[in-house]
Amino acid sequence: MFRLVLCWLVLGCLSATALAQLDDTTRKYSRDVFQQLIEINTTDSVGNITTAAEAMAQRFRDAGFPESDVRVLGPNDRKKNLVVRLHGSGKHKPVLLIGHLDVVEARREDWTTDPFQFVEKDGFFYGRGTQDMKSGDAIMVTTLVRFKKEGYVPDRDIILALTADEEGGKFNGPDWLIKNHRDLIEAEFVLNQDGGGLLSDDGKPLMMEVDAAEKLYADYQLTVTNPGGHSSLPIPDNAIYHLANGLVRLEHFQFPFELNNVTRAYYQRMATVEKGERAADIQAILKTPPDLTAVARLSQDPIDNSTMHTTCVATRLSAGHANNALPQTAQANVNCRILPGHSAEEIRNQLIQVLDEPAIRVKYVGAIGEVTDHGSERQSYAPPPLRRDVFAPLEKVVQEMWPGIPVIPDMATGASDAIYTNAAGLPTYAIAGTMIDRDDIRAHGRDERLGVESYYKGVEFYYRYLKALTSQ
């Protein structure tokens, strides 16, 4: 998924000095891994996750990992996951690294380059998955291979799981592993490459964000039906009008303002970074009770709005069967991103009230497309504690690589596999070091790309951070 949102934002002006510790051998190896992953099609429609998992498994075997520590397993031949273990001293419980191997669909006719060819041009790597998130997968593979080759023994086992079906499909990898092979991935906490990063403004790094919470994803099917008829005899009971009237009400509705421990910590830190009216507004929303006028001003920014509210938006429309006939059916999909503490069924019932159209039937659409009258009662997980053993080494490395940049916990406004690991009692934190300009977010879009030097600095960042984390 994307965080599809600011959780991937990172950019910085990179000098040769900043990258001096990344030797040529590591640069080439990490590039080769990245290219290999991009050029393996792992879409749900025609791709194969197992091919990518096996390719990475062979790299670990070639690096000296014993067969017993390299496992490729899954529910079917196309959707197998890779689980690798680097043994440590056992002083602490293991850390689990997760990343998904699948990517969203990409059509060649939409792109200026082949989305499944690794293309380097104009200072960027192009290809489906360069941002979301084969860059992160390649970085984790490179880091563990570097550790193995240099004989590094961490103070805890490091487990890597590269998995299937985060972007869609029926066999989500972390969910399947938790249910079928929990022993292979049992850990004290989880680091998720699918989020977090350095937020920058016009090339100037501002802060390192860590996604310590995320919203719950839910789709709803809105349907209006009637007998229809000849278009020369229009009637007020038009299915399209009923649906449109309800959607207009939804457009102007805002869910209540809420902060949790992570978003409150985010705004507390942001209040020290921002200036002027924005800083004053942030201080005002942190008061008890919050200043709703300040909330309204901040909500004009889409990211702030999504951070402080559950959001629901129409994403698809269809109606009618002929140009000269009244529609017998009008249908829309509404996609919601739900704040922690609320369930899909709770929001379904609230949508019914907001739409205020008895003719509109609201049904829940499940993860694999099944449509039901009742939504899931599952809530987004409660945000985990902001552990010092995770944040302290991160702050140290960030100061080494980007002096003066604060580390700020955040809530992803999209969704990732953290929903499965957190629900299983494995506190999960999304941390990445790849760099993407805030005006160049192309995850899930055409001509997806990642800066060449941004990738290499991400390789160096993760090596330093994971070593600092596992040698405290």
Protein backbone atom coordinates (compact mmCIF):
# COMPACT_ATOMS: atom_id res chain seq x y z
CA MET A 1 0.00 0.00 0.00
CA PHE A 2 1.42 3.65 -0.04
CA ARG A 3 1.22 4.87 2.50
CA LEU A 4 0.03 6.10 -0.04
CA VAL A 5 0.67 9.12 1.96
CA LEU A 6 3.44 11.12 3.69
CA CYS A 7 4.80 8.03 5.41
CA TRP A 8 7.10 7.54 2.43
CA LEU A 9 8.26 11.16 2.05
CA VAL A 10 12.01 11.64 2.09
CA LEU A 11 14.50 13.80 0.24
CA GLY A 12 17.90 15.30 0.82
CA CYS A 13 20.80 16.77 -1.10
CA LEU A 14 23.37 13.98 -1.00
CA SER A 15 27.09 14.60 -1.20
CA ALA A 16 29.87 12.19 -1.96
CA THR A 17 31.05 12.65 1.63
CA ALA A 18 27.69 11.54 3.02
CA LEU A 19 27.96 8.30 1.04
CA ALA A 20 31.64 7.66 1.59
CA GLN A 21 31.04 4.67 3.84
CA LEU A 22 28.99 2.85 1.19
CA ASP A 23 31.69 1.04 -0.76
CA ASP A 24 31.48 0.23 -4.44
CA THR A 25 30.91 -3.48 -3.82
CA THR A 26 27.90 -2.78 -1.63
CA ARG A 27 26.52 -0.23 -4.08
CA LYS A 28 26.71 -2.74 -6.92
CA TYR A 29 25.26 -5.59 -4.87
CA SER A 30 22.36 -3.50 -3.61
CA ARG A 31 21.65 -2.27 -7.14
CA ASP A 32 21.68 -5.82 -8.52
CA VAL A 33 19.21 -6.96 -5.85
CA PHE A 34 16.96 -3.97 -6.54
CA GLN A 35 17.03 -4.59 -10.30
CA GLN A 36 16.32 -8.30 -9.88
CA LEU A 37 13.26 -7.60 -7.75
CA ILE A 38 11.86 -4.91 -10.06
CA GLU A 39 12.17 -7.19 -13.08
CA ILE A 40 10.21 -10.02 -11.45
CA ASN A 41 6.52 -9.30 -12.02
CA THR A 42 4.75 -9.74 -8.68
CA THR A 43 1.31 -8.34 -9.50
CA ASP A 44 -1.70 -10.34 -8.32
CA SER A 45 -3.07 -10.80 -11.85
CA VAL A 46 -0.16 -12.42 -13.70
CA GLY A 47 2.84 -12.11 -11.40
CA ASN A 48 4.48 -14.63 -9.13
CA ILE A 49 5.56 -13.85 -5.55
CA THR A 50 7.27 -17.22 -5.20
CA THR A 51 9.71 -16.39 -8.01
CA ALA A 52 10.85 -13.29 -6.12
CA ALA A 53 11.00 -15.14 -2.79
CA GLU A 54 13.11 -17.93 -4.30
CA ALA A 55 15.45 -15.43 -5.97
CA MET A 56 16.14 -13.71 -2.64
CA ALA A 57 16.43 -17.05 -0.85
CA GLN A 58 19.21 -18.03 -3.24
CA ARG A 59 21.06 -14.81 -2.45
CA PHE A 60 20.98 -15.69 1.24
CA ARG A 61 22.19 -19.23 0.55
CA ASP A 62 25.02 -17.85 -1.57
CA ALA A 63 25.96 -15.54 1.33
CA GLY A 64 26.39 -18.52 3.68
CA PHE A 65 23.02 -18.72 5.43
CA PRO A 66 22.28 -22.38 6.22
CA GLU A 67 19.26 -23.96 4.55
CA SER A 68 17.53 -24.31 7.91
CA ASP A 69 17.50 -20.51 8.29
CA VAL A 70 16.11 -19.81 4.81
CA ARG A 71 12.46 -20.87 4.47
CA VAL A 72 10.20 -20.37 1.45
CA LEU A 73 6.65 -21.29 2.32
CA GLY A 74 3.08 -20.29 1.63
CA PRO A 75 -0.47 -21.35 0.76
CA ASN A 76 0.11 -22.10 -2.95
CA ASP A 77 2.73 -22.17 -5.67
CA ARG A 78 2.39 -18.46 -6.58
CA LYS A 79 2.11 -16.89 -3.13
CA LYS A 80 5.03 -18.20 -1.09
CA ASN A 81 6.81 -16.03 1.48
CA LEU A 82 10.49 -15.90 2.42
CA VAL A 83 11.54 -16.09 6.08
CA VAL A 84 15.25 -15.73 6.91
CA ARG A 85 16.95 -15.74 10.31
CA LEU A 86 20.32 -14.24 11.23
CA HIS A 87 21.25 -15.67 14.62
CA GLY A 88 22.41 -13.35 17.38
CA SER A 89 23.73 -13.75 20.89
CA GLY A 90 20.25 -14.24 22.38
CA LYS A 91 20.68 -11.41 24.86
CA HIS A 92 17.32 -10.04 23.75
CA LYS A 93 14.26 -11.45 22.01
CA PRO A 94 14.30 -11.31 18.19
CA VAL A 95 13.36 -8.37 16.00
CA LEU A 96 11.25 -9.06 12.92
CA LEU A 97 11.73 -7.10 9.69
CA ILE A 98 8.80 -7.16 7.25
CA GLY A 99 8.31 -6.04 3.67
CA HIS A 100 5.90 -7.06 0.92
CA LEU A 101 7.10 -8.40 -2.43
CA ASP A 102 3.89 -7.78 -4.37
CA VAL A 103 3.19 -4.60 -6.34
CA VAL A 104 0.09 -2.97 -7.77
CA GLU A 105 -0.85 -3.45 -11.41
CA ALA A 106 0.92 -1.36 -14.07
CA ARG A 107 0.07 -1.11 -17.76
CA ARG A 108 2.86 -0.57 -20.29
CA GLU A 109 0.75 1.87 -22.32
CA ASP A 110 0.44 4.17 -19.30
CA TRP A 111 4.19 4.43 -18.72
CA THR A 112 7.01 6.09 -20.63
CA THR A 113 9.22 3.12 -19.67
CA ASP A 114 8.41 -0.56 -19.21
CA PRO A 115 7.18 -0.81 -15.59
CA PHE A 116 8.81 -4.21 -15.20
CA GLN A 117 12.21 -3.17 -16.51
CA PHE A 118 14.71 -1.51 -14.19
CA VAL A 119 15.63 1.74 -15.93
CA GLU A 120 18.19 4.27 -14.68
CA LYS A 121 17.96 7.73 -16.21
CA ASP A 122 18.21 11.37 -15.16
CA GLY A 123 19.31 10.42 -11.65
CA PHE A 124 16.37 8.08 -10.95
CA PHE A 125 15.59 4.38 -10.92
CA TYR A 126 12.28 3.71 -12.73
CA GLY A 127 10.05 0.66 -12.35
CA ARG A 128 6.98 -0.62 -10.56
CA GLY A 129 7.92 -1.03 -6.91
CA THR A 130 10.79 1.46 -6.82
CA GLN A 131 8.90 3.42 -4.16
CA ASP A 132 6.41 0.80 -2.92
CA MET A 133 8.35 -1.15 -1.86
CA LYS A 134 10.96 -3.27 -3.56
CA SER A 135 13.56 -0.66 -2.66
CA GLY A 136 12.93 -1.49 1.01
CA ASP A 137 13.05 -5.22 0.29
CA ALA A 138 16.39 -4.84 -1.50
CA ILE A 139 17.77 -2.74 1.34
CA MET A 140 16.85 -5.34 3.97
CA VAL A 141 18.33 -8.17 1.91
CA THR A 142 21.53 -6.19 1.37
CA THR A 143 21.81 -5.33 5.07
CA LEU A 144 21.49 -8.91 6.30
CA VAL A 145 23.95 -10.16 3.69
CA ARG A 146 26.43 -7.45 4.77
CA PHE A 147 26.04 -8.52 8.40
CA LYS A 148 26.61 -12.17 7.51
CA LYS A 149 29.69 -11.53 5.39
CA GLU A 150 31.36 -9.37 8.03
CA GLY A 151 30.57 -11.91 10.77
CA TYR A 152 28.46 -9.49 12.80
CA VAL A 153 26.65 -11.12 15.74
CA PRO A 154 23.69 -8.98 16.87
CA ASP A 155 22.44 -9.01 20.45
CA ARG A 156 19.22 -10.66 19.24
CA ASP A 157 18.14 -12.78 16.28
CA ILE A 158 17.14 -10.73 13.24
CA ILE A 159 14.26 -12.29 11.28
CA LEU A 160 13.32 -11.09 7.81
CA ALA A 161 9.93 -11.88 6.24
CA LEU A 162 9.36 -10.89 2.60
CA THR A 163 5.72 -11.58 1.92
CA ALA A 164 2.76 -11.76 -0.45
CA ASP A 165 -0.49 -9.89 -1.04
CA GLU A 166 -0.17 -6.62 0.84
CA GLU A 167 -1.54 -4.75 -2.18
CA GLY A 168 -4.42 -7.17 -2.67
CA GLY A 169 -5.10 -10.85 -3.27
CA LYS A 170 -6.39 -13.60 -1.03
CA PHE A 171 -3.25 -14.74 0.78
CA ASN A 172 -1.70 -11.95 2.83
CA GLY A 173 1.75 -13.13 3.86
CA PRO A 174 2.07 -11.87 7.47
CA ASP A 175 -1.47 -13.01 8.23
CA TRP A 176 -0.73 -16.47 6.81
CA LEU A 177 2.58 -16.76 8.67
CA ILE A 178 1.02 -15.69 11.98
CA LYS A 179 -1.74 -18.27 11.60
CA ASN A 180 0.40 -21.13 10.30
CA HIS A 181 4.05 -20.57 11.35
CA ARG A 182 4.02 -18.14 14.25
CA ASP A 183 7.15 -19.75 15.67
CA LEU A 184 9.20 -18.65 12.66
CA ILE A 185 8.41 -14.95 13.12
CA GLU A 186 7.92 -14.61 16.89
CA ALA A 187 9.62 -11.39 17.95
CA GLU A 188 9.72 -8.70 20.61
CA PHE A 189 8.82 -6.03 18.06
CA VAL A 190 8.63 -5.46 14.31
CA LEU A 191 10.28 -3.00 11.92
CA ASN A 192 8.22 -2.37 8.81
CA GLN A 193 9.97 -0.85 5.75
CA ASP A 194 6.58 0.04 4.26
CA GLY A 195 6.40 3.51 5.80
CA GLY A 196 8.25 6.18 7.71
CA GLY A 197 10.96 8.38 6.29
CA LEU A 198 12.41 11.83 6.09
CA LEU A 199 9.90 14.56 5.34
CA SER A 200 11.44 17.30 3.22
CA ASP A 201 10.35 20.62 1.83
CA ASP A 202 11.82 21.66 -1.49
CA GLY A 203 14.86 19.46 -1.03
CA LYS A 204 15.43 20.45 2.60
CA PRO A 205 14.98 17.59 5.11
CA LEU A 206 12.60 18.56 7.92
CA MET A 207 12.03 15.49 10.09
CA MET A 208 12.25 11.71 10.25
CA GLU A 209 8.76 10.28 10.60
CA VAL A 210 8.09 6.90 12.22
CA ASP A 211 4.67 5.36 11.58
CA ALA A 212 3.69 3.88 14.92
CA ALA A 213 -0.03 3.66 14.14
CA GLU A 214 -2.24 3.45 11.09
CA LYS A 215 -5.84 3.73 10.05
CA LEU A 216 -8.20 0.87 9.21
CA TYR A 217 -9.03 0.37 5.53
CA ALA A 218 -12.67 -0.32 4.56
CA ASP A 219 -14.72 -0.26 1.36
CA TYR A 220 -18.49 0.10 1.16
CA GLN A 221 -20.85 -0.58 -1.73
CA LEU A 222 -23.69 1.93 -2.12
CA THR A 223 -26.58 0.70 -4.29
CA VAL A 224 -29.91 2.18 -5.43
CA THR A 225 -32.35 0.17 -7.57
CA ASN A 226 -35.75 0.83 -9.15
CA PRO A 227 -37.78 -0.54 -12.11
CA GLY A 228 -36.37 2.04 -14.54
CA GLY A 229 -38.31 2.80 -17.68
CA HIS A 230 -38.25 4.84 -20.89
CA SER A 231 -36.03 7.92 -20.76
CA SER A 232 -38.76 10.01 -22.43
CA LEU A 233 -40.81 9.61 -19.28
CA PRO A 234 -38.49 10.80 -16.48
CA ILE A 235 -39.64 10.20 -12.91
CA PRO A 236 -38.40 11.77 -9.66
CA ASP A 237 -37.44 8.34 -8.35
CA ASN A 238 -34.22 8.22 -10.40
CA ALA A 239 -31.62 5.86 -8.95
CA ILE A 240 -28.76 8.13 -10.00
CA TYR A 241 -30.25 11.17 -8.30
CA HIS A 242 -30.81 9.28 -5.04
CA LEU A 243 -27.19 8.13 -5.09
CA ALA A 244 -25.86 11.56 -6.06
CA ASN A 245 -27.83 13.31 -3.30
CA GLY A 246 -26.37 10.96 -0.71
CA LEU A 247 -22.82 11.41 -2.01
CA VAL A 248 -23.14 15.20 -1.87
CA ARG A 249 -24.07 14.92 1.81
CA LEU A 250 -21.04 12.69 2.35
CA GLU A 251 -18.83 15.21 0.55
CA HIS A 252 -19.75 17.91 3.08
CA PHE A 253 -19.62 15.71 6.18
CA GLN A 254 -16.61 15.60 8.49
CA PHE A 255 -16.06 12.86 11.05
CA PRO A 256 -15.23 13.97 14.61
CA PHE A 257 -11.78 15.26 15.57
CA GLU A 258 -9.68 12.70 17.48
CA LEU A 259 -6.09 12.29 18.65
CA ASN A 260 -4.46 9.13 20.01
CA ASN A 261 -1.15 8.73 21.83
CA VAL A 262 0.83 8.67 18.56
CA THR A 263 -0.90 11.56 16.76
CA ARG A 264 -0.80 13.63 19.95
CA ALA A 265 2.96 13.01 20.23
CA TYR A 266 3.27 13.89 16.54
CA TYR A 267 1.60 17.26 16.98
CA GLN A 268 3.50 17.97 20.20
CA ARG A 269 6.74 17.62 18.25
CA MET A 270 5.35 19.47 15.23
CA ALA A 271 4.51 22.43 17.46
CA THR A 272 8.26 22.86 18.05
CA VAL A 273 9.04 22.64 14.31
CA GLU A 274 6.32 24.80 12.77
CA LYS A 275 6.04 28.58 13.00
CA GLY A 276 3.40 31.30 12.92
CA GLU A 277 -0.31 30.56 12.75
CA ARG A 278 0.23 26.86 12.06
CA ALA A 279 2.29 26.44 15.23
CA ALA A 280 -0.36 28.33 17.22
CA ASP A 281 -3.13 26.18 15.76
CA ILE A 282 -1.27 23.00 16.68
CA GLN A 283 -0.88 24.21 20.25
CA ALA A 284 -4.60 25.04 20.30
CA ILE A 285 -5.76 21.57 19.20
CA LEU A 286 -3.63 19.98 21.95
CA LYS A 287 -5.58 21.81 24.65
CA THR A 288 -8.46 20.29 26.64
CA PRO A 289 -10.94 20.93 25.18
CA PRO A 290 -9.38 21.46 21.76
CA ASP A 291 -9.94 24.67 19.85
CA LEU A 292 -12.30 23.57 17.07
CA THR A 293 -11.62 26.72 15.05
CA ALA A 294 -7.95 25.71 14.93
CA VAL A 295 -9.01 22.17 14.03
CA ALA A 296 -11.03 23.56 11.11
CA ARG A 297 -8.08 25.60 9.82
CA LEU A 298 -5.66 22.68 10.03
CA SER A 299 -8.22 20.39 8.40
CA GLN A 300 -7.93 22.37 5.18
CA ASP A 301 -4.65 20.52 4.65
CA PRO A 302 -5.47 16.99 3.35
CA ILE A 303 -2.78 15.33 5.46
CA ASP A 304 -3.79 17.06 8.69
CA ASN A 305 -7.43 16.37 7.92
CA SER A 306 -6.73 12.67 7.49
CA THR A 307 -4.55 12.55 10.60
CA MET A 308 -7.27 14.05 12.81
CA HIS A 309 -10.37 12.44 11.30
CA THR A 310 -11.79 9.26 9.87
CA THR A 311 -12.20 9.96 6.15
CA CYS A 312 -14.58 8.49 3.56
CA VAL A 313 -14.57 9.30 -0.14
CA ALA A 314 -16.36 8.02 -3.24
CA THR A 315 -13.88 6.29 -5.54
CA ARG A 316 -16.03 4.54 -8.18
CA LEU A 317 -19.42 5.11 -9.87
CA SER A 318 -21.55 3.05 -12.24
CA ALA A 319 -25.19 3.30 -13.35
CA GLY A 320 -27.64 2.44 -16.07
CA HIS A 321 -27.70 -0.02 -18.94
CA ALA A 322 -28.67 2.08 -21.97
CA ASN A 323 -28.56 5.71 -23.08
CA ASN A 324 -32.31 5.81 -23.69
CA ALA A 325 -33.45 4.07 -20.51
CA LEU A 326 -33.84 5.17 -16.91
CA PRO A 327 -31.27 3.41 -14.73
CA GLN A 328 -32.42 0.34 -12.89
CA THR A 329 -29.27 0.34 -10.77
CA ALA A 330 -26.85 3.03 -9.62
CA GLN A 331 -23.83 2.03 -7.59
CA ALA A 332 -20.80 3.63 -5.95
CA ASN A 333 -17.82 2.49 -3.94
CA VAL A 334 -16.90 4.54 -0.89
CA ASN A 335 -13.43 4.03 0.56
CA CYS A 336 -12.87 4.86 4.23
CA ARG A 337 -9.72 5.17 6.32
CA ILE A 338 -10.85 4.70 9.91
CA LEU A 339 -9.13 6.01 13.03
CA PRO A 340 -8.04 3.50 15.69
CA GLY A 341 -10.82 2.55 18.09
CA HIS A 342 -13.59 2.31 15.49
CA SER A 343 -14.80 -0.67 13.49
CA ALA A 344 -15.90 -1.03 9.87
CA GLU A 345 -19.45 -1.84 11.00
CA GLU A 346 -19.60 1.28 13.17
CA ILE A 347 -18.63 3.42 10.18
CA ARG A 348 -21.11 1.57 7.91
CA ASN A 349 -23.92 2.56 10.26
CA GLN A 350 -22.65 6.12 10.39
CA LEU A 351 -22.56 6.28 6.60
CA ILE A 352 -26.23 5.28 6.48
CA GLN A 353 -27.03 8.27 8.70
CA VAL A 354 -24.83 10.68 6.75
CA LEU A 355 -26.19 9.65 3.33
CA ASP A 356 -29.73 10.12 4.67
CA GLU A 357 -31.28 8.38 1.66
CA PRO A 358 -33.49 5.38 2.51
CA ALA A 359 -33.15 4.23 -1.11
CA ILE A 360 -29.39 3.70 -0.70
CA ARG A 361 -28.35 0.29 0.58
CA VAL A 362 -24.91 0.32 2.22
CA LYS A 363 -22.95 -2.93 2.27
CA TYR A 364 -19.43 -3.80 3.38
CA VAL A 365 -16.85 -5.00 0.83
CA GLY A 366 -14.35 -7.45 2.29
CA ALA A 367 -10.65 -7.84 1.55
CA ILE A 368 -11.17 -10.20 -1.38
CA GLY A 369 -14.25 -8.45 -2.77
CA GLU A 370 -17.02 -10.27 -0.92
CA VAL A 371 -20.05 -8.05 -0.25
CA THR A 372 -21.96 -8.46 3.02
CA ASP A 373 -24.79 -6.71 4.81
CA HIS A 374 -22.73 -6.38 7.99
CA GLY A 375 -19.24 -4.89 8.29
CA SER A 376 -16.36 -6.31 10.25
CA GLU A 377 -16.29 -5.54 13.98
CA ARG A 378 -12.50 -5.56 13.89
CA GLN A 379 -10.96 -2.26 14.93
CA SER A 380 -7.65 -0.80 13.95
CA TYR A 381 -5.09 -1.79 16.56
CA ALA A 382 -4.35 0.42 19.53
CA PRO A 383 -1.08 2.28 18.84
CA PRO A 384 1.91 0.56 20.48
CA PRO A 385 4.11 2.32 23.04
CA LEU A 386 6.91 4.50 21.67
CA ARG A 387 9.79 2.27 22.78
CA ARG A 388 13.07 3.92 23.65
CA ASP A 389 15.06 0.91 22.47
CA VAL A 390 13.60 1.57 19.00
CA PHE A 391 13.72 5.38 19.02
CA ALA A 392 17.04 6.08 20.81
CA PRO A 393 19.30 4.39 18.21
CA LEU A 394 17.16 5.89 15.46
CA GLU A 395 17.67 9.39 16.83
CA LYS A 396 21.42 8.75 17.07
CA VAL A 397 21.76 7.60 13.46
CA VAL A 398 19.50 10.33 12.12
CA GLN A 399 21.67 12.96 13.82
CA GLU A 400 24.77 11.38 12.27
CA MET A 401 23.31 11.42 8.78
CA TRP A 402 20.97 14.44 8.89
CA PRO A 403 22.15 16.70 11.74
CA GLY A 404 19.42 18.74 13.40
CA ILE A 405 16.51 16.68 12.05
CA PRO A 406 13.98 15.59 14.71
CA VAL A 407 12.50 12.09 14.87
CA ILE A 408 8.71 12.33 15.09
CA PRO A 409 6.18 9.51 15.63
CA ASP A 410 3.27 9.61 13.23
CA MET A 411 0.14 7.73 12.17
CA ALA A 412 0.04 6.40 8.63
CA THR A 413 -3.11 7.58 6.93
CA GLY A 414 -2.98 4.59 4.60
CA ALA A 415 -2.62 0.95 5.57
CA SER A 416 0.09 -1.70 5.62
CA ASP A 417 0.83 -5.20 6.91
CA ALA A 418 1.33 -3.68 10.37
CA ILE A 419 -2.37 -4.24 10.91
CA TYR A 420 -1.68 -7.99 11.12
CA THR A 421 1.47 -7.89 13.21
CA ASN A 422 0.11 -5.35 15.71
CA ALA A 423 -3.12 -7.33 16.02
CA ALA A 424 -0.99 -10.39 16.84
CA GLY A 425 0.66 -8.56 19.73
CA LEU A 426 3.85 -7.68 17.86
CA PRO A 427 4.41 -3.90 18.28
CA THR A 428 5.25 -2.56 14.84
CA TYR A 429 7.09 0.59 13.75
CA ALA A 430 7.45 1.71 10.12
CA ILE A 431 10.96 3.04 9.59
CA ALA A 432 12.68 3.64 6.25
CA GLY A 433 15.55 5.72 4.96
CA THR A 434 14.84 5.92 1.23
CA MET A 435 14.26 9.44 0.02
CA ILE A 436 11.31 10.69 -2.01
CA ASP A 437 10.49 14.31 -2.73
CA ARG A 438 7.11 15.37 -1.33
CA ASP A 439 6.17 16.57 -4.83
CA ASP A 440 7.21 13.31 -6.49
CA ILE A 441 5.14 10.64 -4.75
CA ARG A 442 4.50 8.07 -7.48
CA ALA A 443 3.73 4.91 -5.52
CA HIS A 444 0.86 3.08 -7.29
CA GLY A 445 1.12 5.64 -10.12
CA ARG A 446 2.62 5.93 -13.59
CA ASP A 447 6.38 6.21 -14.04
CA GLU A 448 7.10 5.26 -10.43
CA ARG A 449 10.67 6.18 -9.58
CA LEU A 450 13.23 6.63 -6.81
CA GLY A 451 16.32 8.84 -6.78
CA VAL A 452 19.51 6.86 -7.40
CA GLU A 453 21.50 8.46 -4.59
CA SER A 454 18.41 8.45 -2.38
CA TYR A 455 18.37 4.67 -2.67
CA TYR A 456 22.05 4.31 -1.82
CA LYS A 457 21.73 6.56 1.20
CA GLY A 458 18.78 4.43 2.29
CA VAL A 459 21.05 1.37 2.07
CA GLU A 460 23.62 3.04 4.34
CA PHE A 461 20.97 4.35 6.75
CA TYR A 462 19.41 0.95 7.35
CA TYR A 463 22.76 -0.75 7.86
CA ARG A 464 23.72 1.81 10.49
CA TYR A 465 20.34 1.83 12.19
CA LEU A 466 19.88 -1.93 12.39
CA LYS A 467 23.41 -2.33 13.75
CA ALA A 468 22.82 0.38 16.35
CA LEU A 469 19.51 -1.22 17.30
CA THR A 470 21.03 -4.67 17.79
CA SER A 471 24.24 -3.72 19.62
CA GLN A 472 22.91 -1.50 22.41
